[in-house]
Protein backbone atom coordinates (compact mmCIF):
# COMPACT_ATOMS: atom_id res chain seq x y z
CA UNK A 1 67.64 65.35 92.17
CA UNK A 2 66.80 69.04 91.92
CA UNK A 3 64.87 68.88 95.46
CA UNK A 4 68.25 67.29 96.98
CA UNK A 5 70.24 70.21 95.31
CA UNK A 6 68.10 72.71 96.65
CA UNK A 7 68.23 71.13 100.19
CA UNK A 8 71.99 71.00 100.18
CA UNK A 9 71.83 74.80 99.04
CA UNK A 10 69.68 75.87 101.79
CA UNK A 11 71.46 73.73 104.36
CA UNK A 12 74.91 74.94 103.28
CA UNK A 13 73.68 78.68 103.20
CA UNK A 14 72.12 78.41 106.51
CA UNK A 15 75.27 76.81 108.12
CA UNK A 16 77.44 79.89 106.52
CA UNK A 17 75.16 82.42 107.96
CA UNK A 18 75.50 80.64 111.27
CA UNK A 19 79.21 80.51 111.23
CA UNK A 20 79.25 84.14 109.94
CA UNK A 21 77.21 85.34 112.64
CA UNK A 22 79.21 83.59 115.32
CA UNK A 23 82.54 85.38 113.79
CA UNK A 24 80.78 88.63 113.69
CA UNK A 25 80.29 88.61 117.44
CA UNK A 26 83.83 87.51 118.15
CA UNK A 27 86.07 90.65 119.80
CA UNK A 28 88.34 92.25 117.31
CA UNK A 29 91.03 94.79 118.32
CA UNK A 30 92.30 97.20 115.68
CA UNK A 31 95.83 97.25 114.71
CA UNK A 32 97.98 98.68 117.68
CA UNK A 33 99.64 102.09 117.19
CA UNK A 34 103.53 101.92 116.84
CA UNK A 35 104.02 105.21 118.66
CA UNK A 36 105.31 105.75 122.06
CA UNK A 37 102.46 107.90 123.14
CA UNK A 38 99.17 106.41 124.65
CA UNK A 39 96.22 107.78 122.78
CA UNK A 40 93.26 109.85 123.96
CA UNK A 41 90.07 110.86 122.06
CA UNK A 42 87.57 113.46 122.39
CA UNK A 43 84.29 114.07 120.13
CA UNK A 44 83.04 117.67 119.66
CA UNK A 45 81.28 119.70 117.47
CA UNK A 46 81.90 123.24 115.60
CA UNK A 47 79.81 125.71 113.84
CA UNK A 48 81.70 127.67 111.17
CA UNK A 49 79.77 131.00 111.27
CA UNK A 50 81.72 132.60 108.74
CA UNK A 51 80.24 129.98 106.13
CA UNK A 52 76.72 129.46 105.21
CA UNK A 53 76.46 125.64 104.00
CA UNK A 54 75.67 125.32 100.57
CA UNK A 55 74.72 121.70 101.20
CA UNK A 56 72.02 122.21 104.00
CA UNK A 57 68.51 122.17 103.06
CA UNK A 58 67.63 125.74 104.58
CA UNK A 59 69.80 128.36 103.04
CA UNK A 60 71.83 130.40 105.05
CA UNK A 61 72.42 127.79 107.64
CA UNK A 62 75.91 128.09 109.17
CA UNK A 63 78.09 124.99 108.41
CA UNK A 64 78.09 122.66 111.63
CA UNK A 65 80.45 119.77 111.77
CA UNK A 66 81.40 116.82 113.99
CA UNK A 67 85.25 116.68 114.77
CA UNK A 68 86.87 113.60 116.27
CA UNK A 69 90.01 114.48 118.06
CA UNK A 70 92.99 111.98 118.78
CA UNK A 71 95.84 113.04 120.50
CA UNK A 72 99.17 112.08 122.80
CA UNK A 73 97.82 111.27 126.15
CA UNK A 74 98.67 110.73 129.70
CA UNK A 75 95.67 108.44 130.79
CA UNK A 76 95.44 107.17 134.31
CA UNK A 77 96.64 103.57 135.00
CA UNK A 78 94.24 101.01 133.95
CA UNK A 79 91.97 103.27 132.02
CA UNK A 80 89.49 101.74 129.86
CA UNK A 81 89.55 102.40 126.06
CA UNK A 82 86.70 104.21 124.17
CA UNK A 83 83.96 102.47 122.41
CA UNK A 84 84.47 102.43 118.65
CA UNK A 85 81.43 104.08 117.63
CA UNK A 86 79.57 105.26 120.67
CA UNK A 87 76.07 106.43 120.94
CA UNK A 88 74.15 106.82 117.65
CA UNK A 89 77.44 106.65 115.69
CA UNK A 90 76.81 102.90 116.06
CA UNK A 91 74.59 103.41 113.00
CA UNK A 92 77.65 103.21 110.86
CA UNK A 93 77.61 99.43 111.13
CA UNK A 94 75.85 97.87 108.19
CA UNK A 95 72.13 97.06 108.84
CA UNK A 96 69.41 95.33 108.14
CA UNK A 97 70.06 91.85 106.27
CA UNK A 98 73.60 92.57 106.16
CA UNK A 99 74.09 93.10 109.84
CA UNK A 100 75.45 89.46 110.37
CA UNK A 101 78.07 89.94 107.68
CA UNK A 102 80.35 92.61 109.71
CA UNK A 103 82.02 92.08 113.20
CA UNK A 104 79.58 93.95 115.69
CA UNK A 105 80.95 97.31 116.58
CA UNK A 106 80.50 96.72 120.20
CA UNK A 107 83.26 94.10 119.82
CA UNK A 108 85.58 96.45 117.90
CA UNK A 109 88.09 97.36 120.38
CA UNK A 110 90.27 100.55 119.92
CA UNK A 111 93.01 102.18 121.78
CA UNK A 112 92.27 105.50 122.61
CA UNK A 113 90.77 106.50 126.25
CA UNK A 114 87.92 108.85 125.95
CA UNK A 115 88.84 112.27 127.09
CA UNK A 116 92.24 111.41 128.78
CA UNK A 117 94.46 114.21 129.71
CA UNK A 118 97.01 115.22 127.19
CA UNK A 119 100.41 114.43 127.44
CA UNK A 120 102.99 117.10 127.81
CA UNK A 121 104.66 118.80 124.89
CA UNK A 122 103.35 120.71 121.71
CA UNK A 123 102.31 118.55 118.99
CA UNK A 124 101.84 119.43 115.18
CA UNK A 125 98.13 118.87 113.78
CA UNK A 126 96.80 116.49 111.29
CA UNK A 127 93.49 117.15 109.66
CA UNK A 128 91.91 113.89 108.42
CA UNK A 129 89.08 113.75 106.00
CA UNK A 130 87.18 110.63 105.22
CA UNK A 131 86.24 109.48 101.59
CA UNK A 132 82.71 110.41 100.25
CA UNK A 133 80.06 108.62 102.18
CA UNK A 134 82.46 107.84 104.96
CA UNK A 135 82.80 109.29 108.57
CA UNK A 136 85.99 109.90 110.73
CA UNK A 137 85.45 107.32 113.10
CA UNK A 138 85.91 104.69 110.21
CA UNK A 139 89.59 105.81 109.87
CA UNK A 140 90.55 104.98 113.82
CA UNK A 141 93.45 102.96 112.74
CA UNK A 142 95.14 105.65 110.82
CA UNK A 143 94.26 108.28 113.44
CA UNK A 144 95.43 106.32 116.50
CA UNK A 145 98.83 105.52 115.07
CA UNK A 146 99.53 109.25 114.01
CA UNK A 147 98.32 110.18 117.58
CA UNK A 148 100.69 107.81 119.01
CA UNK A 149 103.76 109.15 117.23
CA UNK A 150 103.08 112.65 118.52
CA UNK A 151 100.39 114.34 116.28
CA UNK A 152 97.06 115.80 117.41
CA UNK A 153 94.57 114.48 114.92
CA UNK A 154 91.57 116.05 113.98
CA UNK A 155 88.80 114.03 111.98
CA UNK A 156 86.24 115.88 110.36
CA UNK A 157 82.90 114.18 108.94
CA UNK A 158 81.33 116.38 105.96
CA UNK A 159 77.96 117.06 107.02
CA UNK A 160 75.39 115.95 104.47
CA UNK A 161 78.36 114.07 102.40
CA UNK A 162 78.73 111.22 104.81
CA UNK A 163 76.26 108.67 104.84
CA UNK A 164 75.84 109.23 108.72
CA UNK A 165 76.97 111.84 110.93
CA UNK A 166 75.95 112.67 114.40
CA UNK A 167 75.21 116.25 115.41
CA UNK A 168 73.59 117.12 118.76
CA UNK A 169 72.85 113.38 119.50
CA UNK A 170 70.90 113.30 116.37
CA UNK A 171 71.67 111.49 112.96
CA UNK A 172 72.09 113.25 109.86
CA UNK A 173 72.27 111.46 106.51
CA UNK A 174 73.64 112.54 103.01
CA UNK A 175 71.75 114.39 100.59
CA UNK A 176 71.99 114.88 96.82
CA UNK A 177 74.09 118.02 97.01
CA UNK A 178 76.43 116.69 99.50
CA UNK A 179 77.00 113.30 97.81
CA UNK A 180 76.53 113.65 94.10
CA UNK A 181 76.18 110.35 92.71
CA UNK A 182 78.35 111.14 89.51
CA UNK A 183 81.19 111.09 91.75
CA UNK A 184 81.44 107.28 91.33
CA UNK A 185 81.08 107.09 87.70
CA UNK A 186 83.47 107.51 84.94
CA UNK A 187 81.64 110.44 83.75
CA UNK A 188 82.65 112.50 86.68
CA UNK A 189 85.44 114.30 84.85
CA UNK A 190 82.87 115.52 82.14
CA UNK A 191 80.89 118.52 81.96
CA UNK A 192 78.59 119.51 84.99
CA UNK A 193 79.66 116.63 87.17
CA UNK A 194 83.28 117.82 87.06
CA UNK A 195 82.24 121.31 87.96
CA UNK A 196 79.85 119.81 90.73
CA UNK A 197 82.95 118.08 92.10
CA UNK A 198 85.21 121.24 91.96
CA UNK A 199 82.28 123.02 94.17
CA UNK A 200 82.22 120.24 96.59
CA UNK A 201 85.64 120.11 97.00
CA UNK A 202 85.97 123.74 98.05
CA UNK A 203 83.26 122.87 100.65
CA UNK A 204 85.28 119.93 101.97
CA UNK A 205 88.47 122.14 102.08
CA UNK A 206 86.80 124.71 104.04
CA UNK A 207 85.65 122.08 106.55
CA UNK A 208 89.31 120.84 106.63
CA UNK A 209 90.82 124.41 107.53
CA UNK A 210 87.88 124.94 110.09
CA UNK A 211 88.49 121.67 111.84
CA UNK A 212 92.50 122.92 112.54
CA UNK A 213 91.43 126.02 113.92
CA UNK A 214 88.89 123.92 116.35
CA UNK A 215 91.71 121.98 117.75
CA UNK A 216 93.15 125.00 119.75
CA UNK A 217 89.59 125.73 120.77
CA UNK A 218 89.39 122.72 123.00
CA UNK A 219 90.53 123.76 126.50
CA UNK A 220 92.54 120.51 127.21
CA UNK A 221 94.39 121.00 123.88
CA UNK A 222 95.06 124.80 123.61
CA UNK A 223 98.60 124.63 124.69
CA UNK A 224 99.60 121.38 123.13
CA UNK A 225 98.63 121.91 119.66
CA UNK A 226 100.80 123.54 117.21
CA UNK A 227 98.87 125.19 114.52
CA UNK A 228 101.87 126.44 112.73
CA UNK A 229 102.54 122.81 111.61
CA UNK A 230 99.30 121.53 110.08
CA UNK A 231 99.28 118.41 107.63
CA UNK A 232 96.26 117.78 105.82
CA UNK A 233 95.40 113.77 104.85
CA UNK A 234 92.22 112.50 103.17
CA UNK A 235 91.11 109.43 101.53
CA UNK A 236 89.24 109.36 98.29
CA UNK A 237 87.40 112.63 97.66
CA UNK A 238 88.76 113.67 101.33
CA UNK A 239 92.31 113.42 99.54
CA UNK A 240 91.32 115.75 97.06
CA UNK A 241 89.98 118.08 99.76
CA UNK A 242 93.23 117.76 101.82
CA UNK A 243 95.34 118.99 98.75
CA UNK A 244 92.97 121.78 98.16
CA UNK A 245 93.02 122.82 101.87
CA UNK A 246 96.80 122.79 101.90
CA UNK A 247 97.16 125.10 98.93
CA UNK A 248 94.96 127.64 100.40
CA UNK A 249 96.23 127.39 103.87
CA UNK A 250 99.69 129.22 104.86
CA UNK A 251 100.34 127.09 107.80
CA UNK A 252 100.03 123.82 106.08
CA UNK A 253 103.17 121.92 105.99
CA UNK A 254 102.21 119.23 103.46
CA UNK A 255 99.30 117.26 102.22
CA UNK A 256 98.65 113.40 101.68
CA UNK A 257 96.00 112.02 99.15
CA UNK A 258 95.09 108.49 99.53
CA UNK A 259 93.53 106.79 96.63
CA UNK A 260 91.74 110.23 95.50
CA UNK A 261 91.11 111.32 92.32
CA UNK A 262 92.13 115.22 92.75
CA UNK A 263 89.80 118.22 92.06
CA UNK A 264 89.48 121.85 92.54
CA UNK A 265 91.93 124.60 91.63
CA UNK A 266 94.97 122.78 92.94
CA UNK A 267 94.94 120.57 90.06
CA UNK A 268 95.89 123.20 87.65
CA UNK A 269 98.24 125.51 90.24
CA UNK A 270 99.96 122.80 91.84
CA UNK A 271 101.18 122.55 95.32
CA UNK A 272 104.19 124.30 96.48
CA UNK A 273 104.37 122.15 99.74
CA UNK A 274 105.40 118.28 100.17
CA UNK A 275 102.70 116.12 98.95
CA UNK A 276 102.40 112.52 99.24
CA UNK A 277 99.72 110.27 96.94
CA UNK A 278 99.03 106.58 97.75
CA UNK A 279 96.82 104.69 95.46
CA UNK A 280 95.74 101.13 95.35
CA UNK A 281 97.13 98.54 93.29
CA UNK A 282 95.34 99.30 89.90
CA UNK A 283 94.84 103.20 90.98
CA UNK A 284 95.80 105.85 88.51
CA UNK A 285 95.67 108.68 91.00
CA UNK A 286 99.62 108.51 91.15
CA UNK A 287 99.95 109.60 87.62
CA UNK A 288 101.56 106.03 86.66
CA UNK A 289 99.23 103.17 85.71
CA UNK A 290 97.88 101.33 82.81
CA UNK A 291 94.50 102.76 82.16
CA UNK A 292 91.57 100.28 81.63
CA UNK A 293 88.66 102.68 81.79
CA UNK A 294 88.03 106.24 80.41
CA UNK A 295 87.89 106.92 84.35
CA UNK A 296 91.39 105.75 84.57
CA UNK A 297 92.60 107.91 81.78
CA UNK A 298 91.00 110.79 83.36
CA UNK A 299 92.63 110.22 86.83
CA UNK A 300 95.93 109.78 85.03
CA UNK A 301 95.76 113.14 83.35
CA UNK A 302 94.49 114.96 86.39
CA UNK A 303 97.25 113.32 88.32
CA UNK A 304 100.04 114.36 85.91
CA UNK A 305 98.52 117.86 85.61
CA UNK A 306 98.63 118.34 89.33
CA UNK A 307 102.42 116.68 89.53
CA UNK A 308 103.60 118.91 86.75
CA UNK A 309 102.33 122.30 88.08
CA UNK A 310 103.24 121.90 91.66
CA UNK A 311 106.86 123.16 92.85
CA UNK A 312 106.98 121.15 96.32
CA UNK A 313 108.53 117.60 96.54
CA UNK A 314 106.05 114.57 95.95
CA UNK A 315 106.23 111.09 96.66
CA UNK A 316 104.10 108.15 95.27
CA UNK A 317 103.17 104.75 95.99
CA UNK A 318 100.60 101.87 95.17
CA UNK A 319 99.89 99.41 97.75
CA UNK A 320 99.92 95.71 96.17
CA UNK A 321 96.80 93.70 96.84
CA UNK A 322 94.74 96.52 97.89
CA UNK A 323 91.46 98.05 96.65
CA UNK A 324 89.75 101.52 97.42
CA UNK A 325 88.46 100.33 101.00
CA UNK A 326 91.73 98.91 102.19
CA UNK A 327 92.40 102.66 103.49
CA UNK A 328 89.81 102.38 106.06
CA UNK A 329 89.21 100.41 109.07
CA UNK A 330 87.14 97.95 106.83
CA UNK A 331 90.41 96.14 106.47
CA UNK A 332 90.89 95.43 110.09
CA UNK A 333 87.65 93.49 111.23
CA UNK A 334 85.65 90.39 109.94
CA UNK A 335 83.52 90.79 106.92
CA UNK A 336 81.68 87.64 105.67
CA UNK A 337 81.52 87.11 101.72
CA UNK A 338 78.54 89.05 100.78
CA UNK A 339 80.01 92.18 102.56
CA UNK A 340 83.30 91.46 100.84
CA UNK A 341 81.72 91.21 97.49
CA UNK A 342 80.15 94.54 97.92
CA UNK A 343 83.23 96.46 99.44
CA UNK A 344 86.04 97.58 97.36
CA UNK A 345 88.80 95.25 99.39
CA UNK A 346 91.88 93.68 97.75
CA UNK A 347 93.28 90.18 98.70
CA UNK A 348 96.00 91.68 100.86
CA UNK A 349 95.93 91.21 104.60
CA UNK A 350 94.03 94.09 105.79
CA UNK A 351 96.01 94.72 108.80
CA UNK A 352 99.34 94.42 106.80
CA UNK A 353 97.96 96.84 104.09
CA UNK A 354 96.97 99.48 107.00
CA UNK A 355 100.36 99.07 108.45
CA UNK A 356 102.16 100.09 105.40
CA UNK A 357 99.79 102.86 104.67
CA UNK A 358 100.36 103.98 108.32
CA UNK A 359 104.43 103.76 107.71
CA UNK A 360 103.88 106.12 104.86
CA UNK A 361 101.90 108.62 106.55
CA UNK A 362 103.87 108.67 109.75
CA UNK A 363 107.13 109.37 107.59
CA UNK A 364 105.73 111.95 105.44
CA UNK A 365 104.07 113.70 108.57
CA UNK A 366 107.53 113.46 110.22
CA UNK A 367 109.16 114.82 107.23
CA UNK A 368 106.95 117.94 106.68
CA UNK A 369 106.92 118.86 110.28
CA UNK A 370 110.61 118.85 110.40
CA UNK A 371 111.04 115.56 112.69
CA UNK A 372 112.15 112.82 110.50
CA UNK A 373 114.31 112.13 107.26
CA UNK A 374 113.38 112.11 103.57
CA UNK A 375 110.32 109.50 102.96
CA UNK A 376 111.32 106.39 101.26
CA UNK A 377 108.34 106.39 98.74
CA UNK A 378 109.62 107.12 95.39
CA UNK A 379 109.40 110.68 94.06
CA UNK A 380 106.81 111.11 91.42
CA UNK A 381 107.26 114.81 90.32
CA UNK A 382 107.41 114.71 86.26
CA UNK A 383 110.57 116.03 84.72
CA UNK A 384 110.25 119.34 83.63
CA UNK A 385 111.17 120.10 79.75
């Protein structure tokens, strides 16, 4: 009897692995952008000689960053979209024994055309920062949608914080200074861990401001990027960096935080510019929730401090059926059960959740840059007493 049961399990597992491997090899196209513009994409690198990189193993090394640019384009008829993760960027795919649990990145199809000529006109700039451990290309769905709606999007991958970045054709991994493990624990708001997060968010905010300046440094975009209208958007820890970058950049038109606990001086000084905070269905980063853990309580206190101190308009929403990874491209392609069990994905349809997130971001960016009405998300600025 036990032998029969074991054989059933083995055969069943093998059949599922085979099914998942077939699914992972099937083509998947990321959700289509909603705007009127075709999208171009350029990958570049920049060295911020004004900053010594505090995360680099070698002291005094200037901060080097990979920057992906998505923009309104005028590609040649019939131009072929770019690969999702070209060259060494393919290392972002789950590897080893987990490779069969995720759509093959060669089969993930995007809409942007590599190095396409830009469309005529001048467009506001959006700086997009990933969550801790993530890289810019993992937010292609969000970036392409904004670009199609008339924005130059600069996705910056924080070197030594991302699990993988590519500089000069070589891959670079995260280190302890750039990706402190305490960020992912409920103790992050306590003592030295909180201070480490505040220090790191300053580095990331500097990355975001530098990325904005690099947009106009690209010859093809010099006459098309309006650096007087910059919107900072980030996911998770990148959301905290987006708020902090906006606080310290006079050209910032507004900032959006996607499911990110807030850190840095902006928590206590607030933001005088428009602000959008979107959380997952159980998140406390909008300041409104039923805390289930000490970390939730800390997130709620932090958000309320930020919202109370600020003077600009603020909007919030929580997306039903989502968890933390639904704000990335993980929601858009196939994942087998073992990967789904490890990754923080909610039961909502992944493409539909990204569509709702994109609608919020497009409305917010349009409003802050003077191109649209007041966003429909609820106001979340606490009443002053």
